[in-house]
C-alpha atoms as a PDB file:
ATOM      1  CA  MET A   1      49.016   6.402  31.256  1.00  0.00           C
ATOM      2  CA  PRO A   2      49.221   7.846  27.751  1.00  0.00           C
ATOM      3  CA  LEU A   3      46.145   9.075  25.953  1.00  0.00           C
ATOM      4  CA  SER A   4      45.500   8.167  22.375  1.00  0.00           C
ATOM      5  CA  ALA A   5      45.932  11.074  19.996  1.00  0.00           C
ATOM      6  CA  THR A   6      42.686  10.736  18.127  1.00  0.00           C
ATOM      7  CA  SER A   7      40.338  13.467  17.025  1.00  0.00           C
ATOM      8  CA  ARG A   8      39.765  16.403  19.344  1.00  0.00           C
ATOM      9  CA  HIS A   9      36.424  17.981  18.663  1.00  0.00           C
ATOM     10  CA  ALA A  10      32.890  18.058  19.886  1.00  0.00           C
ATOM     11  CA  TRP A  11      31.223  15.168  21.349  1.00  0.00           C
ATOM     12  CA  VAL A  12      29.683  14.851  24.691  1.00  0.00           C
ATOM     13  CA  MET A  13      29.893  15.032  28.287  1.00  0.00           C
ATOM     14  CA  THR A  14      28.877  12.153  30.328  1.00  0.00           C
ATOM     15  CA  GLU A  15      26.994  12.631  33.315  1.00  0.00           C
ATOM     16  CA  GLN A  16      28.851  10.350  35.652  1.00  0.00           C
ATOM     17  CA  THR A  17      26.454  10.132  38.363  1.00  0.00           C
ATOM     18  CA  HIS A  18      28.918   8.752  40.741  1.00  0.00           C
ATOM     19  CA  ASP A  19      26.572   8.775  43.523  1.00  0.00           C
ATOM     20  CA  ALA A  20      24.773  11.831  44.308  1.00  0.00           C
ATOM     21  CA  GLY A  21      25.760  15.086  45.054  1.00  0.00           C
ATOM     22  CA  THR A  22      28.493  17.459  44.374  1.00  0.00           C
ATOM     23  CA  HIS A  23      27.998  20.049  41.805  1.00  0.00           C
ATOM     24  CA  HIS A  24      25.156  20.430  39.424  1.00  0.00           C
ATOM     25  CA  HIS A  25      26.165  21.501  36.197  1.00  0.00           C
ATOM     26  CA  GLY A  26      23.514  20.774  33.963  1.00  0.00           C
ATOM     27  CA  GLN A  27      22.226  17.474  33.460  1.00  0.00           C
ATOM     28  CA  HIS A  28      24.895  15.020  34.071  1.00  0.00           C
ATOM     29  CA  THR A  29      24.478  13.131  37.059  1.00  0.00           C
ATOM     30  CA  HIS A  30      27.856  12.034  37.843  1.00  0.00           C
ATOM     31  CA  GLU A  31      26.405  10.989  41.009  1.00  0.00           C
ATOM     32  CA  GLY A  32      23.746  13.290  41.185  1.00  0.00           C
ATOM     33  CA  ALA A  33      25.793  16.070  39.907  1.00  0.00           C
ATOM     34  CA  GLN A  34      24.421  17.232  36.665  1.00  0.00           C
ATOM     35  CA  HIS A  35      26.256  18.312  33.642  1.00  0.00           C
ATOM     36  CA  THR A  36      24.059  20.856  32.310  1.00  0.00           C
ATOM     37  CA  HIS A  37      25.159  21.277  28.797  1.00  0.00           C
ATOM     38  CA  ASP A  38      23.265  24.414  28.277  1.00  0.00           C
ATOM     39  CA  GLY A  39      26.212  26.707  28.673  1.00  0.00           C
ATOM     40  CA  SER A  40      24.831  28.212  31.832  1.00  0.00           C
ATOM     41  CA  GLN A  41      26.771  28.389  35.035  1.00  0.00           C
ATOM     42  CA  GLN A  42      25.230  26.241  37.725  1.00  0.00           C
ATOM     43  CA  GLY A  43      26.619  25.207  41.041  1.00  0.00           C
ATOM     44  CA  GLY A  44      29.708  27.250  40.227  1.00  0.00           C
ATOM     45  CA  LEU A  45      30.528  25.271  37.086  1.00  0.00           C
ATOM     46  CA  ASN A  46      30.619  26.897  33.682  1.00  0.00           C
ATOM     47  CA  LEU A  47      30.265  24.750  30.590  1.00  0.00           C
ATOM     48  CA  HIS A  48      32.389  27.164  28.500  1.00  0.00           C
ATOM     49  CA  GLU A  49      30.057  26.753  25.565  1.00  0.00           C
ATOM     50  CA  ASP A  50      31.574  29.813  23.921  1.00  0.00           C
ATOM     51  CA  ALA A  51      34.761  27.816  23.288  1.00  0.00           C
ATOM     52  CA  ASP A  52      35.818  27.140  19.708  1.00  0.00           C
ATOM     53  CA  ASN A  53      35.417  23.374  20.019  1.00  0.00           C
ATOM     54  CA  ALA A  54      34.279  20.667  22.393  1.00  0.00           C
ATOM     55  CA  VAL A  55      37.760  19.954  23.700  1.00  0.00           C
ATOM     56  CA  ASP A  56      38.166  23.526  24.882  1.00  0.00           C
ATOM     57  CA  MET A  57      34.623  23.563  26.220  1.00  0.00           C
ATOM     58  CA  TRP A  58      34.971  20.461  28.386  1.00  0.00           C
ATOM     59  CA  ASP A  59      38.613  21.055  29.298  1.00  0.00           C
ATOM     60  CA  GLY A  60      37.658  24.541  30.449  1.00  0.00           C
ATOM     61  CA  MET A  61      34.952  23.141  32.691  1.00  0.00           C
ATOM     62  CA  TYR A  62      37.231  20.526  34.226  1.00  0.00           C
ATOM     63  CA  ARG A  63      39.982  23.072  34.862  1.00  0.00           C
ATOM     64  CA  GLU A  64      37.656  25.090  37.062  1.00  0.00           C
ATOM     65  CA  ARG A  65      38.031  22.575  39.881  1.00  0.00           C
ATOM     66  CA  ALA A  66      40.553  19.944  40.818  1.00  0.00           C
ATOM     67  CA  LYS A  67      37.702  17.464  41.172  1.00  0.00           C
ATOM     68  CA  ILE A  68      34.239  17.609  39.621  1.00  0.00           C
ATOM     69  CA  TRP A  69      32.706  14.219  40.380  1.00  0.00           C
ATOM     70  CA  SER A  70      32.716  12.063  43.502  1.00  0.00           C
ATOM     71  CA  GLY A  71      34.649   9.195  41.962  1.00  0.00           C
ATOM     72  CA  ASN A  72      31.873   6.713  42.736  1.00  0.00           C
ATOM     73  CA  PRO A  73      30.275   4.717  39.922  1.00  0.00           C
ATOM     74  CA  ASN A  74      26.890   5.702  38.569  1.00  0.00           C
ATOM     75  CA  PRO A  75      24.245   3.854  40.628  1.00  0.00           C
ATOM     76  CA  GLN A  76      22.323   2.511  37.617  1.00  0.00           C
ATOM     77  CA  LEU A  77      25.563   1.086  36.226  1.00  0.00           C
ATOM     78  CA  VAL A  78      26.150  -0.790  39.471  1.00  0.00           C
ATOM     79  CA  ALA A  79      22.566  -2.025  39.592  1.00  0.00           C
ATOM     80  CA  GLU A  80      22.559  -3.339  36.021  1.00  0.00           C
ATOM     81  CA  VAL A  81      26.100  -4.674  35.610  1.00  0.00           C
ATOM     82  CA  ILE A  82      26.856  -6.282  38.952  1.00  0.00           C
ATOM     83  CA  GLY A  83      25.560  -9.699  37.838  1.00  0.00           C
ATOM     84  CA  LEU A  84      27.132  -9.804  34.375  1.00  0.00           C
ATOM     85  CA  LYS A  85      30.115 -11.948  33.491  1.00  0.00           C
ATOM     86  CA  PRO A  86      33.124  -9.630  32.996  1.00  0.00           C
ATOM     87  CA  GLY A  87      34.616  -9.240  29.542  1.00  0.00           C
ATOM     88  CA  LYS A  88      35.502  -6.280  27.326  1.00  0.00           C
ATOM     89  CA  ALA A  89      33.710  -3.064  28.312  1.00  0.00           C
ATOM     90  CA  LEU A  90      33.443   0.326  26.651  1.00  0.00           C
ATOM     91  CA  ASP A  91      32.752   3.373  28.843  1.00  0.00           C
ATOM     92  CA  LEU A  92      31.562   6.258  26.658  1.00  0.00           C
ATOM     93  CA  GLY A  93      32.121   9.708  28.138  1.00  0.00           C
ATOM     94  CA  SER A  94      34.304   8.396  30.924  1.00  0.00           C
ATOM     95  CA  GLY A  95      34.935  11.738  32.651  1.00  0.00           C
ATOM     96  CA  GLU A  96      37.207  11.457  35.664  1.00  0.00           C
ATOM     97  CA  GLY A  97      37.040   7.676  35.516  1.00  0.00           C
ATOM     98  CA  GLY A  98      34.693   6.577  38.292  1.00  0.00           C
ATOM     99  CA  ASP A  99      32.736   4.131  36.146  1.00  0.00           C
ATOM    100  CA  ALA A 100      35.757   2.759  34.294  1.00  0.00           C
ATOM    101  CA  ILE A 101      37.685   2.143  37.494  1.00  0.00           C
ATOM    102  CA  TRP A 102      34.707   0.412  39.100  1.00  0.00           C
ATOM    103  CA  LEU A 103      34.279  -1.821  36.053  1.00  0.00           C
ATOM    104  CA  ALA A 104      37.963  -2.733  36.160  1.00  0.00           C
ATOM    105  CA  GLN A 105      37.605  -3.619  39.838  1.00  0.00           C
ATOM    106  CA  GLN A 106      34.806  -6.010  38.884  1.00  0.00           C
ATOM    107  CA  GLY A 107      37.104  -7.805  36.444  1.00  0.00           C
ATOM    108  CA  TRP A 108      36.276  -6.021  33.182  1.00  0.00           C
ATOM    109  CA  THR A 109      38.890  -4.957  30.655  1.00  0.00           C
ATOM    110  CA  VAL A 110      37.834  -1.388  29.928  1.00  0.00           C
ATOM    111  CA  THR A 111      38.254   1.049  27.070  1.00  0.00           C
ATOM    112  CA  ALA A 112      37.311   4.490  28.378  1.00  0.00           C
ATOM    113  CA  LEU A 113      36.583   7.271  25.874  1.00  0.00           C
ATOM    114  CA  ASP A 114      36.213  10.982  26.525  1.00  0.00           C
ATOM    115  CA  VAL A 115      36.826  14.176  24.568  1.00  0.00           C
ATOM    116  CA  SER A 116      38.551  15.983  27.448  1.00  0.00           C
ATOM    117  CA  ALA A 117      42.270  15.409  27.945  1.00  0.00           C
ATOM    118  CA  VAL A 118      42.027  17.051  31.359  1.00  0.00           C
ATOM    119  CA  ALA A 119      39.395  14.555  32.490  1.00  0.00           C
ATOM    120  CA  LEU A 120      41.336  11.622  31.067  1.00  0.00           C
ATOM    121  CA  GLU A 121      44.558  12.650  32.784  1.00  0.00           C
ATOM    122  CA  ARG A 122      42.738  12.811  36.097  1.00  0.00           C
ATOM    123  CA  ALA A 123      41.070   9.478  35.439  1.00  0.00           C
ATOM    124  CA  ALA A 124      44.384   7.792  34.662  1.00  0.00           C
ATOM    125  CA  ALA A 125      45.881   9.257  37.843  1.00  0.00           C
ATOM    126  CA  HIS A 126      42.960   7.952  39.909  1.00  0.00           C
ATOM    127  CA  ALA A 127      43.288   4.530  38.308  1.00  0.00           C
ATOM    128  CA  ALA A 128      47.009   4.470  39.085  1.00  0.00           C
ATOM    129  CA  GLU A 129      46.101   4.627  42.772  1.00  0.00           C
ATOM    130  CA  THR A 130      44.324   1.272  42.442  1.00  0.00           C
ATOM    131  CA  ASP A 131      45.487  -2.236  41.595  1.00  0.00           C
ATOM    132  CA  HIS A 132      43.513  -2.263  38.345  1.00  0.00           C
ATOM    133  CA  ALA A 133      45.070   0.442  36.178  1.00  0.00           C
ATOM    134  CA  ASP A 134      46.372  -2.135  33.720  1.00  0.00           C
ATOM    135  CA  ARG A 135      42.786  -3.135  32.918  1.00  0.00           C
ATOM    136  CA  ILE A 136      41.889   0.301  31.519  1.00  0.00           C
ATOM    137  CA  THR A 137      42.843   1.966  28.242  1.00  0.00           C
ATOM    138  CA  TRP A 138      42.098   5.708  28.163  1.00  0.00           C
ATOM    139  CA  GLN A 139      41.319   7.252  24.789  1.00  0.00           C
ATOM    140  CA  GLN A 140      40.649  10.825  23.800  1.00  0.00           C
ATOM    141  CA  GLN A 141      38.018  10.594  21.096  1.00  0.00           C
ATOM    142  CA  ASP A 142      35.489  12.708  19.265  1.00  0.00           C
ATOM    143  CA  LEU A 143      32.260  10.770  19.171  1.00  0.00           C
ATOM    144  CA  THR A 144      31.061  12.618  16.093  1.00  0.00           C
ATOM    145  CA  GLU A 145      33.972  11.130  14.135  1.00  0.00           C
ATOM    146  CA  TRP A 146      34.291   7.840  15.957  1.00  0.00           C
ATOM    147  CA  GLU A 147      33.393   4.724  13.964  1.00  0.00           C
ATOM    148  CA  PRO A 148      32.473   1.948  16.398  1.00  0.00           C
ATOM    149  CA  GLU A 149      33.168  -1.725  15.809  1.00  0.00           C
ATOM    150  CA  PRO A 150      30.950  -4.394  17.415  1.00  0.00           C
ATOM    151  CA  VAL A 151      33.593  -5.889  19.689  1.00  0.00           C
ATOM    152  CA  PHE A 152      32.505  -5.073  23.258  1.00  0.00           C
ATOM    153  CA  ASP A 153      30.713  -7.374  25.684  1.00  0.00           C
ATOM    154  CA  LEU A 154      29.377  -4.308  27.487  1.00  0.00           C
ATOM    155  CA  VAL A 155      28.851  -0.772  26.227  1.00  0.00           C
ATOM    156  CA  SER A 156      27.921   1.732  28.923  1.00  0.00           C
ATOM    157  CA  ALA A 157      26.692   5.228  28.044  1.00  0.00           C
ATOM    158  CA  GLN A 158      25.836   7.038  31.265  1.00  0.00           C
ATOM    159  CA  PHE A 159      24.179  10.448  30.885  1.00  0.00           C
ATOM    160  CA  LEU A 160      25.703  11.117  27.512  1.00  0.00           C
ATOM    161  CA  HIS A 161      23.938  14.456  27.043  1.00  0.00           C
ATOM    162  CA  SER A 162      25.457  17.197  24.942  1.00  0.00           C
ATOM    163  CA  PRO A 163      24.267  20.354  23.169  1.00  0.00           C
ATOM    164  CA  LEU A 164      26.664  19.444  20.366  1.00  0.00           C
ATOM    165  CA  LEU A 165      25.510  15.936  19.544  1.00  0.00           C
ATOM    166  CA  PRO A 166      21.914  14.662  19.278  1.00  0.00           C
ATOM    167  CA  TRP A 167      21.270  11.928  21.806  1.00  0.00           C
ATOM    168  CA  ARG A 168      19.931   9.660  19.041  1.00  0.00           C
ATOM    169  CA  ASP A 169      23.355   9.742  17.384  1.00  0.00           C
ATOM    170  CA  SER A 170      25.272   8.893  20.546  1.00  0.00           C
ATOM    171  CA  ALA A 171      22.805   6.107  21.421  1.00  0.00           C
ATOM    172  CA  SER A 172      23.107   4.615  17.941  1.00  0.00           C
ATOM    173  CA  LYS A 173      26.889   4.634  18.096  1.00  0.00           C
ATOM    174  CA  ALA A 174      26.832   3.008  21.511  1.00  0.00           C
ATOM    175  CA  ALA A 175      24.568   0.265  20.173  1.00  0.00           C
ATOM    176  CA  ALA A 176      26.820  -0.277  17.169  1.00  0.00           C
ATOM    177  CA  ALA A 177      29.784  -1.072  19.440  1.00  0.00           C
ATOM    178  CA  VAL A 178      28.086  -4.053  21.131  1.00  0.00           C
ATOM    179  CA  ALA A 179      29.366  -7.475  20.105  1.00  0.00           C
ATOM    180  CA  PRO A 180      26.925 -10.314  19.373  1.00  0.00           C
ATOM    181  CA  GLY A 181      25.771 -11.609  22.739  1.00  0.00           C
ATOM    182  CA  GLY A 182      26.895  -8.394  24.439  1.00  0.00           C
ATOM    183  CA  THR A 183      25.006  -5.894  26.578  1.00  0.00           C
ATOM    184  CA  LEU A 184      24.034  -2.311  25.864  1.00  0.00           C
ATOM    185  CA  LEU A 185      23.410  -0.092  28.877  1.00  0.00           C
ATOM    186  CA  ILE A 186      22.155   3.454  28.305  1.00  0.00           C
ATOM    187  CA  VAL A 187      21.170   5.710  31.176  1.00  0.00           C
ATOM    188  CA  GLY A 188      20.023   9.284  30.770  1.00  0.00           C
ATOM    189  CA  HIS A 189      17.925  12.019  32.273  1.00  0.00           C
ATOM    190  CA  HIS A 190      14.199  11.769  31.748  1.00  0.00           C
ATOM    191  CA  PRO A 191      12.968  15.106  30.330  1.00  0.00           C
ATOM    192  CA  HIS A 192      10.101  15.253  32.836  1.00  0.00           C
ATOM    193  CA  GLY A 193      12.098  14.293  35.896  1.00  0.00           C
ATOM    194  CA  LEU A 194      14.748  16.969  36.353  1.00  0.00           C
ATOM    195  CA  PRO A 195      15.482  18.122  39.912  1.00  0.00           C
ATOM    196  CA  PRO A 196      13.836  21.342  41.121  1.00  0.00           C
ATOM    197  CA  TRP A 197      17.069  23.347  41.078  1.00  0.00           C
ATOM    198  CA  SER A 198      17.831  22.528  37.453  1.00  0.00           C
ATOM    199  CA  HIS A 199      17.732  25.538  35.141  1.00  0.00           C
ATOM    200  CA  HIS A 200      18.018  23.389  32.064  1.00  0.00           C
ATOM    201  CA  HIS A 201      15.830  24.463  29.190  1.00  0.00           C
ATOM    202  CA  GLU A 202      17.083  22.155  26.433  1.00  0.00           C
ATOM    203  CA  SER A 203      14.715  19.303  27.154  1.00  0.00           C
ATOM    204  CA  GLY A 204      15.436  17.909  23.678  1.00  0.00           C
ATOM    205  CA  MET A 205      18.736  16.637  25.017  1.00  0.00           C
ATOM    206  CA  PHE A 206      16.943  14.148  27.284  1.00  0.00           C
ATOM    207  CA  PHE A 207      14.767  11.146  26.486  1.00  0.00           C
ATOM    208  CA  THR A 208      12.017   8.906  27.783  1.00  0.00           C
ATOM    209  CA  PRO A 209      12.262   5.105  27.677  1.00  0.00           C
ATOM    210  CA  GLU A 210       9.803   5.088  24.777  1.00  0.00           C
ATOM    211  CA  GLN A 211      11.818   7.614  22.798  1.00  0.00           C
ATOM    212  CA  LEU A 212      15.018   5.659  23.352  1.00  0.00           C
ATOM    213  CA  ALA A 213      13.404   2.384  22.304  1.00  0.00           C
ATOM    214  CA  GLY A 214      12.022   4.003  19.170  1.00  0.00           C
ATOM    215  CA  ALA A 215      15.325   5.605  18.193  1.00  0.00           C
ATOM    216  CA  LEU A 216      17.157   2.276  18.516  1.00  0.00           C
ATOM    217  CA  ARG A 217      14.360   0.317  16.802  1.00  0.00           C
ATOM    218  CA  LEU A 218      14.354  -2.155  19.643  1.00  0.00           C
ATOM    219  CA  ASP A 219      11.188  -3.772  18.334  1.00  0.00           C
ATOM    220  CA  ARG A 220      12.890  -4.646  15.034  1.00  0.00           C
ATOM    221  CA  GLU A 221      16.624  -4.777  15.562  1.00  0.00           C
ATOM    222  CA  PRO A 222      18.504  -7.760  17.045  1.00  0.00           C
ATOM    223  CA  TRP A 223      17.986  -7.007  20.727  1.00  0.00           C
ATOM    224  CA  PHE A 224      16.565  -8.775  23.735  1.00  0.00           C
ATOM    225  CA  VAL A 225      15.286  -5.927  25.898  1.00  0.00           C
ATOM    226  CA  GLU A 226      15.904  -6.831  29.518  1.00  0.00           C
ATOM    227  CA  VAL A 227      15.253  -3.470  31.204  1.00  0.00           C
ATOM    228  CA  LEU A 228      13.423  -0.449  29.789  1.00  0.00           C
ATOM    229  CA  THR A 229      12.108   1.836  32.483  1.00  0.00           C
ATOM    230  CA  ASP A 230      12.455   5.070  34.413  1.00  0.00           C
ATOM    231  CA  ARG A 231      13.661   5.203  38.006  1.00  0.00           C
ATOM    232  CA  ALA A 232      13.435   7.948  40.567  1.00  0.00           C
ATOM    233  CA  ARG A 233      16.597   8.681  42.498  1.00  0.00           C
ATOM    234  CA  THR A 234      17.270  10.959  45.464  1.00  0.00           C
ATOM    235  CA  ILE A 235      20.160  13.336  44.930  1.00  0.00           C
ATOM    236  CA  GLU A 236      21.793  16.233  46.717  1.00  0.00           C
ATOM    237  CA  GLY A 237      21.639  19.699  45.214  1.00  0.00           C
ATOM    238  CA  PRO A 238      24.332  22.367  44.925  1.00  0.00           C
ATOM    239  CA  ASN A 239      23.485  23.833  48.337  1.00  0.00           C
ATOM    240  CA  GLY A 240      23.052  20.547  50.140  1.00  0.00           C
ATOM    241  CA  GLU A 241      19.305  20.312  49.564  1.00  0.00           C
ATOM    242  CA  SER A 242      17.654  16.981  48.790  1.00  0.00           C
ATOM    243  CA  GLY A 243      15.741  16.413  45.571  1.00  0.00           C
ATOM    244  CA  THR A 244      14.553  13.744  43.187  1.00  0.00           C
ATOM    245  CA  THR A 245      15.610  13.097  39.632  1.00  0.00           C
ATOM    246  CA  LEU A 246      14.271  10.559  37.162  1.00  0.00           C
ATOM    247  CA  ASP A 247      16.606   8.327  35.150  1.00  0.00           C
ATOM    248  CA  THR A 248      15.739   6.596  31.894  1.00  0.00           C
ATOM    249  CA  VAL A 249      17.351   3.142  31.938  1.00  0.00           C
ATOM    250  CA  LEU A 250      17.822   0.682  29.090  1.00  0.00           C
ATOM    251  CA  ARG A 251      19.617  -2.639  29.280  1.00  0.00           C
ATOM    252  CA  ALA A 252      19.457  -4.831  26.185  1.00  0.00           C
ATOM    253  CA  ARG A 253      21.347  -7.890  25.007  1.00  0.00           C
ATOM    254  CA  LYS A 254      22.321  -8.265  21.373  1.00  0.00           C
ATOM    255  CA  HIS A 255      21.418 -11.491  19.644  1.00  0.00           C
ATOM    256  CA  ALA A 256      24.405 -13.828  19.444  1.00  0.00           C
END
């Protein structure tokens, strides 16, 4: 499946939690696996933060292993989306495609954006092994340059943490892509709920429910807030140990 040839610079790495446990790489739960985004090497994964741009940084990380994430959808995505009527969905920071493929299997027509061509190629290959590949459009995109249009019935931003892009900027762009009547779902790491093996020191990349609500002006902007909370989740560490992480979860519906 061809990738769109859009901008190729820094944006973000999604944490695709995709269930819980493989490698911990920072703070990206792609299932419990965390994209750490601090440039350190954790769980054998190196963020390549010395690369010249975000494409090289994330591509370098993905090239280290043939598979980074489990392929399962993020658990908070499943919990919050399972009852929604399918429509047009946007998956920001789609990684190797676990969330996008799951959404397509639920009947959504999905646009999946990521900065890494390596990740997108893998995602498209995984989707081709299913009966739902025609429901997904894969796009290589730089979130710092991306100008969203409010056309999506669902916008999902799962663990969109990056040392190169303030989380307030990525959250605002995600919100701007929601169509009237649509749903915004943002899930991220709570700064005070990182697992014990995390060596992450850039706590400014993570956010509490209150910080997220304030950044998006949820008390003043056209949103019905349906879920705004933090949730503990058991995950598996890089050496098979069990631990707990805390997710910040927001689900809000835009006024029609």
